[in-house]
Amino acid sequence: MTMRDRDPRGRARNARPRDELGRPLPRSAPGAADVPSIPDDLQVTPAQAAELGGRLLAENRPFHAHEVFEAAWKSTPAPEREFWRGLAQIAVGLTHARRGNARGAVTLLRRGARHTREHGANSAGLAPEYVAAQADGIAARIERDGLAAIPPSDLLVRLLPA
C-alpha cells in the first residue's frame, strides 16, 4: 500500500505532479517536476483568482483553473462564495469533457452555470451571465453533437467578453 503525502497537521495531500487534466503523473516521469501545479493551501483574492483562473482556462488547463476557483470559493466571504463554487464546477465540467466524460461534463457545466447565474455578485468584476451562457452552450453542444465532434479548442470558457 502506498502512503499518501501528509502536511504537518496530518491532512492528506498529494504532492505528485499532475498533467493538464489533473491526472497524477508518476514522480519519476520525465519532466514531472517541471509540470506547473497549484498549491493545496493557495490563498487568493477574488481579483487574483479571476486573473490566474482565467489565464488557466484560456490555456486549456481547466483542472488547474478549478483548483484556483476552489481556493477562492473556500476563502471568500459568504455573499460571493457560491459564485466561485460555480466557476469551479464549470472548470471541472470542462475537465470531464477533455477526459471524454460527456455525462459528467454536461452535469457540471449546467450546475456551474446555474450557480454563477444565481450567485453572480462578485468583487472581481466578472460577467456571470456571460460565463454561464458559455457553459450552457458547451453543454448543449455536447448533448447535441457528442464530445467526439467538439475539438478541445472549443472547450474553452472566458471569464470576460473579449
Protein backbone atom coordinates (compact mmCIF):
# COMPACT_ATOMS: atom_id res chain seq x y z
CA MET A 1 0.00 0.00 0.00
CA THR A 2 1.29 3.45 -0.94
CA MET A 3 1.32 6.07 1.80
CA ARG A 4 -0.28 9.42 0.96
CA ASP A 5 1.59 12.64 1.34
CA ARG A 6 0.61 14.47 4.53
CA ASP A 7 1.00 18.05 5.65
CA PRO A 8 2.37 18.91 9.13
CA ARG A 9 -1.15 18.61 10.60
CA GLY A 10 -1.57 15.11 9.17
CA ARG A 11 -4.08 16.10 6.46
CA ALA A 12 -3.81 14.16 3.22
CA ARG A 13 -2.03 15.99 0.42
CA ASN A 14 -0.99 14.79 -2.98
CA ALA A 15 2.34 16.26 -3.94
CA ARG A 16 2.53 14.19 -7.11
CA PRO A 17 2.70 16.23 -10.28
CA ARG A 18 -0.41 16.20 -12.48
CA ASP A 19 -0.92 16.59 -16.19
CA GLU A 20 -3.03 19.39 -17.71
CA LEU A 21 -6.21 17.41 -16.95
CA GLY A 22 -5.34 16.71 -13.33
CA ARG A 23 -4.32 13.08 -13.76
CA PRO A 24 -1.46 12.14 -11.40
CA LEU A 25 1.89 11.57 -13.06
CA PRO A 26 4.50 9.20 -11.65
CA ARG A 27 7.04 11.13 -9.60
CA SER A 28 9.72 9.59 -11.82
CA ALA A 29 8.07 10.65 -15.09
CA PRO A 30 10.41 12.65 -17.34
CA GLY A 31 9.75 16.34 -16.79
CA ALA A 32 7.24 15.67 -13.96
CA ALA A 33 8.99 18.20 -11.74
CA ASP A 34 8.50 20.85 -14.46
CA VAL A 35 4.70 20.50 -14.60
CA PRO A 36 3.16 23.62 -13.03
CA SER A 37 0.89 22.93 -10.08
CA ILE A 38 -1.43 24.81 -7.77
CA PRO A 39 -0.54 24.51 -4.07
CA ASP A 40 -3.11 22.82 -1.81
CA ASP A 41 -3.11 25.80 0.54
CA LEU A 42 -3.43 28.52 -2.12
CA GLN A 43 -4.78 31.80 -0.74
CA VAL A 44 -6.09 34.20 -3.37
CA THR A 45 -8.16 37.33 -3.51
CA PRO A 46 -11.10 37.33 -5.94
CA ALA A 47 -9.11 39.52 -8.35
CA GLN A 48 -6.13 37.15 -8.21
CA ALA A 49 -8.41 34.12 -8.69
CA ALA A 50 -10.05 35.77 -11.70
CA GLU A 51 -6.69 36.60 -13.30
CA LEU A 52 -4.98 33.26 -12.64
CA GLY A 53 -8.05 31.05 -13.15
CA GLY A 54 -8.99 32.93 -16.31
CA ARG A 55 -5.49 32.53 -17.69
CA LEU A 56 -5.52 28.79 -16.93
CA LEU A 57 -8.88 28.42 -18.69
CA ALA A 58 -7.51 30.29 -21.72
CA GLU A 59 -4.51 27.92 -21.72
CA ASN A 60 -6.97 24.98 -21.78
CA ARG A 61 -5.93 23.86 -18.29
CA PRO A 62 -9.36 23.62 -16.67
CA PHE A 63 -8.30 21.25 -13.88
CA HIS A 64 -5.79 23.78 -12.59
CA ALA A 65 -8.31 26.62 -13.01
CA HIS A 66 -10.73 24.59 -10.88
CA GLU A 67 -8.13 24.45 -8.09
CA VAL A 68 -7.76 28.25 -8.17
CA PHE A 69 -11.54 28.80 -8.16
CA GLU A 70 -11.91 26.27 -5.35
CA ALA A 71 -9.35 28.19 -3.30
CA ALA A 72 -11.37 31.38 -3.85
CA TRP A 73 -14.61 29.55 -3.01
CA LYS A 74 -13.17 28.34 0.31
CA SER A 75 -11.67 31.69 1.33
CA THR A 76 -14.20 34.23 0.03
CA PRO A 77 -16.87 35.72 2.32
CA ALA A 78 -20.33 34.13 2.12
CA PRO A 79 -22.05 36.61 -0.21
CA GLU A 80 -19.95 35.58 -3.20
CA ARG A 81 -18.76 32.11 -2.17
CA GLU A 82 -21.33 30.30 -4.34
CA PHE A 83 -20.25 32.26 -7.41
CA TRP A 84 -16.71 30.86 -7.07
CA ARG A 85 -18.16 27.41 -6.45
CA GLY A 86 -19.98 27.75 -9.77
CA LEU A 87 -16.77 28.70 -11.58
CA ALA A 88 -15.04 25.69 -10.00
CA GLN A 89 -17.87 23.44 -11.20
CA ILE A 90 -17.63 24.84 -14.74
CA ALA A 91 -13.89 24.16 -14.76
CA VAL A 92 -14.50 20.59 -13.55
CA GLY A 93 -17.11 20.19 -16.29
CA LEU A 94 -14.53 21.26 -18.86
CA THR A 95 -12.07 18.79 -17.34
CA HIS A 96 -14.63 15.98 -17.68
CA ALA A 97 -15.19 16.98 -21.30
CA ARG A 98 -11.46 16.92 -22.05
CA ARG A 99 -11.23 13.49 -20.38
CA GLY A 100 -14.09 12.17 -22.55
CA ASN A 101 -16.81 12.01 -19.87
CA ALA A 102 -19.77 13.63 -21.64
CA ARG A 103 -22.33 12.96 -18.90
CA GLY A 104 -20.12 14.39 -16.15
CA ALA A 105 -19.24 17.36 -18.35
CA VAL A 106 -22.85 18.28 -19.06
CA THR A 107 -23.89 17.84 -15.41
CA LEU A 108 -21.09 20.03 -14.02
CA LEU A 109 -21.27 22.66 -16.76
CA ARG A 110 -25.01 23.13 -16.18
CA ARG A 111 -24.67 23.11 -12.38
CA GLY A 112 -21.83 25.62 -12.54
CA ALA A 113 -23.77 27.84 -14.95
CA ARG A 114 -26.74 27.83 -12.56
CA HIS A 115 -24.53 28.77 -9.59
CA THR A 116 -22.79 31.61 -11.43
CA ARG A 117 -26.15 32.97 -12.62
CA GLU A 118 -27.90 32.70 -9.24
CA HIS A 119 -24.96 33.98 -7.19
CA GLY A 120 -23.39 36.37 -9.67
CA ALA A 121 -22.29 39.12 -7.30
CA ASN A 122 -18.51 39.08 -7.27
CA SER A 123 -15.87 41.58 -6.31
CA ALA A 124 -13.62 40.62 -9.25
CA GLY A 125 -15.89 42.33 -11.79
CA LEU A 126 -16.58 39.15 -13.74
CA ALA A 127 -19.62 38.73 -16.00
CA PRO A 128 -21.72 35.89 -14.51
CA GLU A 129 -24.29 35.73 -17.31
CA TYR A 130 -21.57 35.69 -19.96
CA VAL A 131 -19.74 32.82 -18.22
CA ALA A 132 -22.98 30.87 -17.60
CA ALA A 133 -24.10 31.25 -21.22
CA GLN A 134 -20.81 29.80 -22.47
CA ALA A 135 -21.03 26.83 -20.08
CA ASP A 136 -24.64 26.15 -21.07
CA GLY A 137 -23.70 26.45 -24.75
CA ILE A 138 -20.91 23.88 -24.43
CA ALA A 139 -23.23 21.54 -22.51
CA ALA A 140 -25.90 21.85 -25.22
CA ARG A 141 -23.34 21.21 -27.94
CA ILE A 142 -22.09 18.07 -26.14
CA GLU A 143 -25.66 16.81 -25.85
CA ARG A 144 -26.45 17.60 -29.48
CA ASP A 145 -23.21 16.61 -31.26
CA GLY A 146 -21.32 14.40 -28.80
CA LEU A 147 -17.84 15.03 -27.43
CA ALA A 148 -16.08 13.41 -30.38
CA ALA A 149 -17.38 16.20 -32.64
CA ILE A 150 -16.02 19.00 -30.46
CA PRO A 151 -12.33 19.92 -30.72
CA PRO A 152 -10.54 20.75 -27.44
CA SER A 153 -10.10 24.32 -28.70
CA ASP A 154 -13.91 24.72 -28.47
CA LEU A 155 -13.99 23.57 -24.84
CA LEU A 156 -12.96 26.97 -23.54
CA VAL A 157 -14.81 29.40 -21.28
CA ARG A 158 -13.74 33.01 -20.95
CA LEU A 159 -14.49 34.99 -17.81
CA LEU A 160 -14.99 38.31 -19.62
CA PRO A 161 -16.06 39.23 -23.15
CA ALA A 162 -13.13 39.98 -25.45
